[in-house]
C-alpha cells in the first residue's frame, strides 16, 4: 500500500492515494496505520479518492453538489472511526494533490462529508480553506478532574465545544478525555480549551474525539475563534497551538482557515502487514 506522510501545524496524517476507490479501508487497518509505535503513526488517515468513485448514497451522503469536485477527502480518525471534516487535513490533502500533479495551484473545491470546501494555494507555502459558516449552538460545559469549564458549542460540520480558561493552557491535564454530557453529544465532541493572550490572539489545546489530544485542530481553531469573538463582528484571529500558528478569518458569512501544509515522507507498507 503506497502512502505519503504529511502534517499541518503538526496535526499529522497518513495519506492513501486511491483514485479509483479500490481500497477496502477498514477501521482496523486505519488504527494500525496510525499506531505510533507499531505503525506509521498519525492523528488520522486521508484517503484520496475521485468523487465519482465514491458511493455517496452508500456512505449516507446527499450529493448536494459534491460531484462538482473532482476529489473526495475520505477522512478517518486514528481509531478508525469516520469523521465529517478536518481543517488541517483539508490543507494537507490539497497540498498533496498539487504536489502529485493531480491538481493545479489556484482555487478549487474538495468534497468532504461536511460538503464542499474551497481551497486556495500556490505551488508551495500556506493553504487557505473556506471552512463554511460556523453554527453557534449555545453554551455547554466540560470538566477535567472535577474542574468545570464553560464554553460554547459550535458546529463546523463536526461538533465542537470551545471552553475559555484564564490560566495557561499548558497547565491542563489532557492525558484523558474531558468529561461531557453524552446526551448533548451522542456522537462525541472535540473539546477546545483556549486563553486570550492578546488582541484577537488565542492560545489553544484540543482533545479530539477518536484521536485524543492532538498538536492542532483546524476546525477547532475556528470554533475557538468563534467562541472568543462572542458576536463582536468580523475580524482576523491568530491561534497558537502546540504545533504552530493558524489564522482564522471570520467575516459574518463564512470562515477561513490559513496555515502550513507539509509533506514529509512517502513509501510502501510491507506486503501482508495490513
C-alpha atoms as a PDB file:
ATOM      1  CA  UNK A   1       0.000   0.000   0.000  1.00  0.00           C
ATOM      2  CA  UNK A   2       1.503   3.316  -1.078  1.00  0.00           C
ATOM      3  CA  UNK A   3       1.370   6.168   1.408  1.00  0.00           C
ATOM      4  CA  UNK A   4       2.504   9.742   1.941  1.00  0.00           C
ATOM      5  CA  UNK A   5       3.007  11.327   5.370  1.00  0.00           C
ATOM      6  CA  UNK A   6       2.148  14.977   5.959  1.00  0.00           C
ATOM      7  CA  UNK A   7       1.128  17.431   8.643  1.00  0.00           C
ATOM      8  CA  UNK A   8      -0.491  20.818   9.215  1.00  0.00           C
ATOM      9  CA  UNK A   9       0.883  22.507  12.356  1.00  0.00           C
ATOM     10  CA  UNK A  10       1.946  19.004  13.473  1.00  0.00           C
ATOM     11  CA  UNK A  11      -1.556  17.585  13.157  1.00  0.00           C
ATOM     12  CA  UNK A  12      -0.290  14.629  11.133  1.00  0.00           C
ATOM     13  CA  UNK A  13      -1.845  12.282   8.607  1.00  0.00           C
ATOM     14  CA  UNK A  14      -1.192   9.171   6.566  1.00  0.00           C
ATOM     15  CA  UNK A  15      -2.319   9.954   3.011  1.00  0.00           C
ATOM     16  CA  UNK A  16      -3.516   6.976   0.960  1.00  0.00           C
ATOM     17  CA  UNK A  17      -3.793   7.565  -2.809  1.00  0.00           C
ATOM     18  CA  UNK A  18      -6.825   5.565  -4.001  1.00  0.00           C
ATOM     19  CA  UNK A  19      -8.150   7.462  -7.040  1.00  0.00           C
ATOM     20  CA  UNK A  20     -10.435   4.685  -8.275  1.00  0.00           C
ATOM     21  CA  UNK A  21     -11.837   3.744  -4.867  1.00  0.00           C
ATOM     22  CA  UNK A  22     -10.403   0.228  -4.986  1.00  0.00           C
ATOM     23  CA  UNK A  23      -9.073   0.180  -1.418  1.00  0.00           C
ATOM     24  CA  UNK A  24     -11.126  -1.623   1.242  1.00  0.00           C
ATOM     25  CA  UNK A  25     -10.131   0.577   4.165  1.00  0.00           C
ATOM     26  CA  UNK A  26     -11.294  -1.000   7.416  1.00  0.00           C
ATOM     27  CA  UNK A  27     -11.282   0.643  10.823  1.00  0.00           C
ATOM     28  CA  UNK A  28      -8.701  -1.907  11.943  1.00  0.00           C
ATOM     29  CA  UNK A  29      -6.381  -1.004   9.050  1.00  0.00           C
ATOM     30  CA  UNK A  30      -6.678   2.703   9.869  1.00  0.00           C
ATOM     31  CA  UNK A  31      -5.867   2.082  13.523  1.00  0.00           C
ATOM     32  CA  UNK A  32      -2.792   0.032  12.565  1.00  0.00           C
ATOM     33  CA  UNK A  33      -1.526   2.708  10.192  1.00  0.00           C
ATOM     34  CA  UNK A  34      -1.983   5.417  12.833  1.00  0.00           C
ATOM     35  CA  UNK A  35      -0.348   3.452  15.666  1.00  0.00           C
ATOM     36  CA  UNK A  36       2.682   5.499  16.727  1.00  0.00           C
ATOM     37  CA  UNK A  37       4.695   2.519  17.927  1.00  0.00           C
ATOM     38  CA  UNK A  38       3.647  -0.377  15.706  1.00  0.00           C
ATOM     39  CA  UNK A  39       2.587   1.572  12.611  1.00  0.00           C
ATOM     40  CA  UNK A  40       3.423   4.694  10.633  1.00  0.00           C
ATOM     41  CA  UNK A  41       1.889   6.981  13.237  1.00  0.00           C
ATOM     42  CA  UNK A  42      -0.693   9.723  12.671  1.00  0.00           C
ATOM     43  CA  UNK A  43      -3.716  11.534  14.040  1.00  0.00           C
ATOM     44  CA  UNK A  44      -5.765  10.255  11.123  1.00  0.00           C
ATOM     45  CA  UNK A  45      -5.901   8.914   7.567  1.00  0.00           C
ATOM     46  CA  UNK A  46      -6.730  10.880   4.413  1.00  0.00           C
ATOM     47  CA  UNK A  47      -7.908   8.598   1.607  1.00  0.00           C
ATOM     48  CA  UNK A  48      -7.597  10.380  -1.737  1.00  0.00           C
ATOM     49  CA  UNK A  49     -10.412   9.175  -3.995  1.00  0.00           C
ATOM     50  CA  UNK A  50     -12.163  10.642  -7.018  1.00  0.00           C
ATOM     51  CA  UNK A  51     -15.634  11.809  -6.085  1.00  0.00           C
ATOM     52  CA  UNK A  52     -17.160   9.860  -8.980  1.00  0.00           C
ATOM     53  CA  UNK A  53     -15.645   6.683  -7.494  1.00  0.00           C
ATOM     54  CA  UNK A  54     -17.305   7.264  -4.113  1.00  0.00           C
ATOM     55  CA  UNK A  55     -20.570   5.515  -3.327  1.00  0.00           C
ATOM     56  CA  UNK A  56     -22.149   8.655  -1.906  1.00  0.00           C
ATOM     57  CA  UNK A  57     -25.523   7.010  -1.288  1.00  0.00           C
ATOM     58  CA  UNK A  58     -23.852   4.051   0.394  1.00  0.00           C
ATOM     59  CA  UNK A  59     -21.897   6.442   2.587  1.00  0.00           C
ATOM     60  CA  UNK A  60     -25.143   8.124   3.628  1.00  0.00           C
ATOM     61  CA  UNK A  61     -24.245  11.350   1.816  1.00  0.00           C
ATOM     62  CA  UNK A  62     -26.580  13.593  -0.108  1.00  0.00           C
ATOM     63  CA  UNK A  63     -24.749  14.536  -3.309  1.00  0.00           C
ATOM     64  CA  UNK A  64     -25.558  18.234  -2.676  1.00  0.00           C
ATOM     65  CA  UNK A  65     -23.159  19.275  -5.404  1.00  0.00           C
ATOM     66  CA  UNK A  66     -20.283  17.087  -4.201  1.00  0.00           C
ATOM     67  CA  UNK A  67     -19.925  15.676  -7.712  1.00  0.00           C
ATOM     68  CA  UNK A  68     -18.781  19.106  -8.879  1.00  0.00           C
ATOM     69  CA  UNK A  69     -15.443  18.470  -7.121  1.00  0.00           C
ATOM     70  CA  UNK A  70     -13.033  16.008  -8.705  1.00  0.00           C
ATOM     71  CA  UNK A  71     -11.574  14.781  -5.399  1.00  0.00           C
ATOM     72  CA  UNK A  72     -13.192  13.493  -2.192  1.00  0.00           C
ATOM     73  CA  UNK A  73     -11.380  13.605   1.150  1.00  0.00           C
ATOM     74  CA  UNK A  74     -12.301  10.392   2.969  1.00  0.00           C
ATOM     75  CA  UNK A  75     -11.107  11.254   6.479  1.00  0.00           C
ATOM     76  CA  UNK A  76     -10.751   8.712   9.287  1.00  0.00           C
ATOM     77  CA  UNK A  77      -9.787   9.330  12.917  1.00  0.00           C
ATOM     78  CA  UNK A  78      -6.852   7.456  14.426  1.00  0.00           C
ATOM     79  CA  UNK A  79      -9.164   4.859  15.992  1.00  0.00           C
ATOM     80  CA  UNK A  80     -10.667   4.089  12.578  1.00  0.00           C
ATOM     81  CA  UNK A  81     -13.914   5.984  13.096  1.00  0.00           C
ATOM     82  CA  UNK A  82     -15.248   8.161  10.291  1.00  0.00           C
ATOM     83  CA  UNK A  83     -15.263  11.946  10.754  1.00  0.00           C
ATOM     84  CA  UNK A  84     -17.145  14.586   8.811  1.00  0.00           C
ATOM     85  CA  UNK A  85     -14.390  17.132   8.382  1.00  0.00           C
ATOM     86  CA  UNK A  86     -10.806  18.057   9.257  1.00  0.00           C
ATOM     87  CA  UNK A  87      -9.486  21.570   8.622  1.00  0.00           C
ATOM     88  CA  UNK A  88      -5.785  20.761   8.852  1.00  0.00           C
ATOM     89  CA  UNK A  89      -6.405  17.594   6.877  1.00  0.00           C
ATOM     90  CA  UNK A  90      -8.075  19.539   4.079  1.00  0.00           C
ATOM     91  CA  UNK A  91      -4.995  21.739   3.704  1.00  0.00           C
ATOM     92  CA  UNK A  92      -2.655  18.734   3.666  1.00  0.00           C
ATOM     93  CA  UNK A  93      -4.979  16.950   1.218  1.00  0.00           C
ATOM     94  CA  UNK A  94      -4.857  19.956  -1.129  1.00  0.00           C
ATOM     95  CA  UNK A  95      -1.067  20.213  -0.859  1.00  0.00           C
ATOM     96  CA  UNK A  96      -0.774  16.525  -1.751  1.00  0.00           C
ATOM     97  CA  UNK A  97      -2.973  16.926  -4.855  1.00  0.00           C
ATOM     98  CA  UNK A  98      -0.808  19.785  -6.160  1.00  0.00           C
ATOM     99  CA  UNK A  99       2.468  18.062  -5.258  1.00  0.00           C
ATOM    100  CA  UNK A 100       1.332  14.859  -7.004  1.00  0.00           C
ATOM    101  CA  UNK A 101       0.279  16.728 -10.143  1.00  0.00           C
ATOM    102  CA  UNK A 102      -3.385  15.809  -9.632  1.00  0.00           C
ATOM    103  CA  UNK A 103      -4.470  19.454  -9.350  1.00  0.00           C
ATOM    104  CA  UNK A 104      -3.010  22.791 -10.341  1.00  0.00           C
ATOM    105  CA  UNK A 105      -2.191  25.616  -7.936  1.00  0.00           C
ATOM    106  CA  UNK A 106      -5.103  28.009  -7.657  1.00  0.00           C
ATOM    107  CA  UNK A 107      -8.599  27.826  -6.207  1.00  0.00           C
ATOM    108  CA  UNK A 108     -10.927  24.814  -6.337  1.00  0.00           C
ATOM    109  CA  UNK A 109     -13.276  22.626  -4.278  1.00  0.00           C
ATOM    110  CA  UNK A 110     -12.678  19.462  -2.298  1.00  0.00           C
ATOM    111  CA  UNK A 111     -15.633  17.212  -1.472  1.00  0.00           C
ATOM    112  CA  UNK A 112     -15.978  16.165   2.183  1.00  0.00           C
ATOM    113  CA  UNK A 113     -18.659  14.616   4.373  1.00  0.00           C
ATOM    114  CA  UNK A 114     -19.363  18.177   5.546  1.00  0.00           C
ATOM    115  CA  UNK A 115     -19.897  19.428   1.989  1.00  0.00           C
ATOM    116  CA  UNK A 116     -17.669  21.246  -0.487  1.00  0.00           C
ATOM    117  CA  UNK A 117     -14.642  23.076   0.919  1.00  0.00           C
ATOM    118  CA  UNK A 118     -12.890  25.627  -1.287  1.00  0.00           C
ATOM    119  CA  UNK A 119      -9.108  25.719  -1.049  1.00  0.00           C
ATOM    120  CA  UNK A 120      -6.647  28.333  -2.282  1.00  0.00           C
ATOM    121  CA  UNK A 121      -2.959  27.526  -2.623  1.00  0.00           C
ATOM    122  CA  UNK A 122       0.156  28.110  -4.642  1.00  0.00           C
ATOM    123  CA  UNK A 123       2.831  25.678  -5.784  1.00  0.00           C
ATOM    124  CA  UNK A 124       4.295  25.898  -2.266  1.00  0.00           C
ATOM    125  CA  UNK A 125       3.585  27.622   1.022  1.00  0.00           C
ATOM    126  CA  UNK A 126       0.456  28.025   3.074  1.00  0.00           C
ATOM    127  CA  UNK A 127      -3.017  26.804   2.166  1.00  0.00           C
ATOM    128  CA  UNK A 128      -6.293  28.602   2.857  1.00  0.00           C
ATOM    129  CA  UNK A 129      -9.629  26.810   3.229  1.00  0.00           C
ATOM    130  CA  UNK A 130     -13.119  28.283   3.185  1.00  0.00           C
ATOM    131  CA  UNK A 131     -14.466  26.375   6.171  1.00  0.00           C
ATOM    132  CA  UNK A 132     -18.065  27.474   5.735  1.00  0.00           C
ATOM    133  CA  UNK A 133     -20.359  29.279   8.137  1.00  0.00           C
ATOM    134  CA  UNK A 134     -19.835  28.328  11.789  1.00  0.00           C
ATOM    135  CA  UNK A 135     -23.048  27.427  13.595  1.00  0.00           C
ATOM    136  CA  UNK A 136     -23.199  28.620  17.209  1.00  0.00           C
ATOM    137  CA  UNK A 137     -25.360  26.225  19.219  1.00  0.00           C
ATOM    138  CA  UNK A 138     -25.322  27.839  22.651  1.00  0.00           C
ATOM    139  CA  UNK A 139     -23.499  27.225  25.919  1.00  0.00           C
ATOM    140  CA  UNK A 140     -22.041  23.931  27.059  1.00  0.00           C
ATOM    141  CA  UNK A 141     -19.544  22.626  29.548  1.00  0.00           C
ATOM    142  CA  UNK A 142     -16.815  20.055  30.018  1.00  0.00           C
ATOM    143  CA  UNK A 143     -14.778  19.044  33.035  1.00  0.00           C
ATOM    144  CA  UNK A 144     -11.250  17.867  33.760  1.00  0.00           C
ATOM    145  CA  UNK A 145     -10.604  16.170  37.081  1.00  0.00           C
ATOM    146  CA  UNK A 146     -13.743  17.685  38.531  1.00  0.00           C
ATOM    147  CA  UNK A 147     -12.933  21.238  37.385  1.00  0.00           C
ATOM    148  CA  UNK A 148     -15.754  22.592  35.229  1.00  0.00           C
ATOM    149  CA  UNK A 149     -15.052  24.674  32.114  1.00  0.00           C
ATOM    150  CA  UNK A 150     -17.886  26.531  30.453  1.00  0.00           C
ATOM    151  CA  UNK A 151     -17.841  27.180  26.746  1.00  0.00           C
ATOM    152  CA  UNK A 152     -19.715  27.460  23.500  1.00  0.00           C
ATOM    153  CA  UNK A 153     -20.986  24.657  21.311  1.00  0.00           C
ATOM    154  CA  UNK A 154     -20.032  25.234  17.692  1.00  0.00           C
ATOM    155  CA  UNK A 155     -20.649  23.111  14.616  1.00  0.00           C
ATOM    156  CA  UNK A 156     -18.082  23.246  11.824  1.00  0.00           C
ATOM    157  CA  UNK A 157     -19.709  20.307  10.077  1.00  0.00           C
ATOM    158  CA  UNK A 158     -18.318  18.357  13.035  1.00  0.00           C
ATOM    159  CA  UNK A 159     -19.103  19.027  16.726  1.00  0.00           C
ATOM    160  CA  UNK A 160     -17.009  21.290  18.963  1.00  0.00           C
ATOM    161  CA  UNK A 161     -17.111  22.627  22.491  1.00  0.00           C
ATOM    162  CA  UNK A 162     -14.755  25.605  22.867  1.00  0.00           C
ATOM    163  CA  UNK A 163     -14.077  26.426  26.518  1.00  0.00           C
ATOM    164  CA  UNK A 164     -12.350  29.536  27.798  1.00  0.00           C
ATOM    165  CA  UNK A 165      -9.762  29.322  30.560  1.00  0.00           C
ATOM    166  CA  UNK A 166      -7.869  32.125  32.265  1.00  0.00           C
ATOM    167  CA  UNK A 167      -4.810  30.037  33.071  1.00  0.00           C
ATOM    168  CA  UNK A 168      -2.148  28.899  30.593  1.00  0.00           C
ATOM    169  CA  UNK A 169      -3.456  26.010  28.537  1.00  0.00           C
ATOM    170  CA  UNK A 170      -0.156  24.171  29.052  1.00  0.00           C
ATOM    171  CA  UNK A 171      -1.235  23.602  32.665  1.00  0.00           C
ATOM    172  CA  UNK A 172      -4.244  21.485  31.685  1.00  0.00           C
ATOM    173  CA  UNK A 173      -4.139  17.713  32.021  1.00  0.00           C
ATOM    174  CA  UNK A 174      -5.390  16.313  28.706  1.00  0.00           C
ATOM    175  CA  UNK A 175      -3.973  12.827  29.231  1.00  0.00           C
ATOM    176  CA  UNK A 176      -7.567  11.593  29.239  1.00  0.00           C
ATOM    177  CA  UNK A 177     -10.734  12.775  27.557  1.00  0.00           C
ATOM    178  CA  UNK A 178     -12.589  15.659  29.214  1.00  0.00           C
ATOM    179  CA  UNK A 179     -15.944  14.679  30.658  1.00  0.00           C
ATOM    180  CA  UNK A 180     -19.083  15.949  28.932  1.00  0.00           C
ATOM    181  CA  UNK A 181     -22.782  15.155  28.783  1.00  0.00           C
ATOM    182  CA  UNK A 182     -23.249  12.315  26.255  1.00  0.00           C
ATOM    183  CA  UNK A 183     -26.919  13.271  25.913  1.00  0.00           C
ATOM    184  CA  UNK A 184     -25.788  16.595  24.425  1.00  0.00           C
ATOM    185  CA  UNK A 185     -23.075  14.990  22.296  1.00  0.00           C
ATOM    186  CA  UNK A 186     -24.309  11.496  21.343  1.00  0.00           C
ATOM    187  CA  UNK A 187     -21.617  11.213  18.645  1.00  0.00           C
ATOM    188  CA  UNK A 188     -18.843  12.619  20.827  1.00  0.00           C
ATOM    189  CA  UNK A 189     -17.266  16.057  20.605  1.00  0.00           C
ATOM    190  CA  UNK A 190     -13.950  17.788  20.016  1.00  0.00           C
ATOM    191  CA  UNK A 191     -13.153  19.859  23.106  1.00  0.00           C
ATOM    192  CA  UNK A 192     -11.002  23.003  22.815  1.00  0.00           C
ATOM    193  CA  UNK A 193      -9.537  24.990  25.700  1.00  0.00           C
ATOM    194  CA  UNK A 194      -8.454  28.485  24.773  1.00  0.00           C
ATOM    195  CA  UNK A 195      -6.994  31.527  26.557  1.00  0.00           C
ATOM    196  CA  UNK A 196      -6.847  35.080  25.177  1.00  0.00           C
ATOM    197  CA  UNK A 197      -3.235  36.300  25.159  1.00  0.00           C
ATOM    198  CA  UNK A 198      -3.599  39.479  23.081  1.00  0.00           C
ATOM    199  CA  UNK A 199      -5.857  41.391  20.745  1.00  0.00           C
ATOM    200  CA  UNK A 200      -7.686  38.701  18.735  1.00  0.00           C
ATOM    201  CA  UNK A 201      -4.890  36.340  19.723  1.00  0.00           C
ATOM    202  CA  UNK A 202      -5.510  32.987  21.444  1.00  0.00           C
ATOM    203  CA  UNK A 203      -3.568  30.010  22.675  1.00  0.00           C
ATOM    204  CA  UNK A 204      -5.385  26.679  22.446  1.00  0.00           C
ATOM    205  CA  UNK A 205      -5.162  22.973  23.145  1.00  0.00           C
ATOM    206  CA  UNK A 206      -7.619  20.352  21.941  1.00  0.00           C
ATOM    207  CA  UNK A 207      -8.778  16.826  22.718  1.00  0.00           C
ATOM    208  CA  UNK A 208     -10.215  15.311  19.540  1.00  0.00           C
ATOM    209  CA  UNK A 209     -12.788  12.542  19.569  1.00  0.00           C
ATOM    210  CA  UNK A 210     -11.311   9.373  18.129  1.00  0.00           C
ATOM    211  CA  UNK A 211      -7.723  10.668  18.270  1.00  0.00           C
ATOM    212  CA  UNK A 212      -7.002  12.078  21.744  1.00  0.00           C
ATOM    213  CA  UNK A 213      -5.001  15.246  22.298  1.00  0.00           C
ATOM    214  CA  UNK A 214      -3.501  16.443  19.023  1.00  0.00           C
ATOM    215  CA  UNK A 215      -0.941  19.141  18.324  1.00  0.00           C
ATOM    216  CA  UNK A 216      -3.505  21.129  16.365  1.00  0.00           C
ATOM    217  CA  UNK A 217      -7.090  21.024  15.089  1.00  0.00           C
ATOM    218  CA  UNK A 218      -8.169  23.203  12.182  1.00  0.00           C
ATOM    219  CA  UNK A 219     -11.915  23.111  12.745  1.00  0.00           C
ATOM    220  CA  UNK A 220     -11.198  23.530  16.460  1.00  0.00           C
ATOM    221  CA  UNK A 221      -9.248  26.749  15.940  1.00  0.00           C
ATOM    222  CA  UNK A 222     -12.214  28.190  14.041  1.00  0.00           C
ATOM    223  CA  UNK A 223     -14.569  27.088  16.819  1.00  0.00           C
ATOM    224  CA  UNK A 224     -12.328  28.723  19.431  1.00  0.00           C
ATOM    225  CA  UNK A 225     -12.200  31.975  17.452  1.00  0.00           C
ATOM    226  CA  UNK A 226     -15.998  31.948  17.123  1.00  0.00           C
ATOM    227  CA  UNK A 227     -16.393  31.408  20.868  1.00  0.00           C
ATOM    228  CA  UNK A 228     -13.831  34.102  21.710  1.00  0.00           C
ATOM    229  CA  UNK A 229     -15.394  36.573  19.271  1.00  0.00           C
ATOM    230  CA  UNK A 230     -18.747  36.210  21.004  1.00  0.00           C
ATOM    231  CA  UNK A 231     -20.583  38.105  18.287  1.00  0.00           C
ATOM    232  CA  UNK A 232     -18.124  41.017  18.226  1.00  0.00           C
ATOM    233  CA  UNK A 233     -18.175  41.063  14.436  1.00  0.00           C
ATOM    234  CA  UNK A 234     -15.819  40.236  11.575  1.00  0.00           C
ATOM    235  CA  UNK A 235     -12.089  40.037  12.127  1.00  0.00           C
ATOM    236  CA  UNK A 236      -8.900  38.026  11.864  1.00  0.00           C
ATOM    237  CA  UNK A 237      -7.780  35.846  14.755  1.00  0.00           C
ATOM    238  CA  UNK A 238      -4.365  34.340  15.447  1.00  0.00           C
ATOM    239  CA  UNK A 239      -4.496  30.972  17.199  1.00  0.00           C
ATOM    240  CA  UNK A 240      -1.347  29.422  18.655  1.00  0.00           C
ATOM    241  CA  UNK A 241      -1.478  25.650  19.117  1.00  0.00           C
ATOM    242  CA  UNK A 242       1.278  23.309  20.340  1.00  0.00           C
ATOM    243  CA  UNK A 243       2.181  22.554  16.704  1.00  0.00           C
ATOM    244  CA  UNK A 244       2.403  26.124  15.430  1.00  0.00           C
ATOM    245  CA  UNK A 245       0.212  29.044  14.407  1.00  0.00           C
ATOM    246  CA  UNK A 246      -3.005  29.289  12.395  1.00  0.00           C
ATOM    247  CA  UNK A 247      -5.006  32.262  11.169  1.00  0.00           C
ATOM    248  CA  UNK A 248      -8.803  32.328  11.275  1.00  0.00           C
ATOM    249  CA  UNK A 249     -10.833  34.954   9.431  1.00  0.00           C
ATOM    250  CA  UNK A 250     -14.493  35.499  10.346  1.00  0.00           C
ATOM    251  CA  UNK A 251     -16.455  37.760   8.005  1.00  0.00           C
ATOM    252  CA  UNK A 252     -20.006  37.270   9.252  1.00  0.00           C
ATOM    253  CA  UNK A 253     -20.850  34.969   6.359  1.00  0.00           C
ATOM    254  CA  UNK A 254     -18.213  32.245   6.337  1.00  0.00           C
ATOM    255  CA  UNK A 255     -14.868  31.416   7.940  1.00  0.00           C
ATOM    256  CA  UNK A 256     -11.406  30.891   6.503  1.00  0.00           C
ATOM    257  CA  UNK A 257      -8.509  28.910   7.934  1.00  0.00           C
ATOM    258  CA  UNK A 258      -4.961  29.581   6.764  1.00  0.00           C
ATOM    259  CA  UNK A 259      -1.778  27.766   7.702  1.00  0.00           C
ATOM    260  CA  UNK A 260       1.055  25.484   6.609  1.00  0.00           C
ATOM    261  CA  UNK A 261       0.676  22.086   4.965  1.00  0.00           C
ATOM    262  CA  UNK A 262       3.834  19.990   4.713  1.00  0.00           C
ATOM    263  CA  UNK A 263       4.568  16.613   3.088  1.00  0.00           C
ATOM    264  CA  UNK A 264       7.475  14.854   4.789  1.00  0.00           C
ATOM    265  CA  UNK A 265       7.772  11.267   3.506  1.00  0.00           C
ATOM    266  CA  UNK A 266       6.389   8.611   1.189  1.00  0.00           C
ATOM    267  CA  UNK A 267       6.755   4.884   0.835  1.00  0.00           C
ATOM    268  CA  UNK A 268       5.104   1.462   0.720  1.00  0.00           C
ATOM    269  CA  UNK A 269       3.835  -0.710   3.538  1.00  0.00           C
ATOM    270  CA  UNK A 270       5.272  -4.205   3.660  1.00  0.00           C
ATOM    271  CA  UNK A 271       3.188  -6.855   1.835  1.00  0.00           C
ATOM    272  CA  UNK A 272       0.790  -8.576   4.198  1.00  0.00           C
ATOM    273  CA  UNK A 273       1.272  -6.090   7.029  1.00  0.00           C
ATOM    274  CA  UNK A 274      -2.212  -4.552   6.702  1.00  0.00           C
END
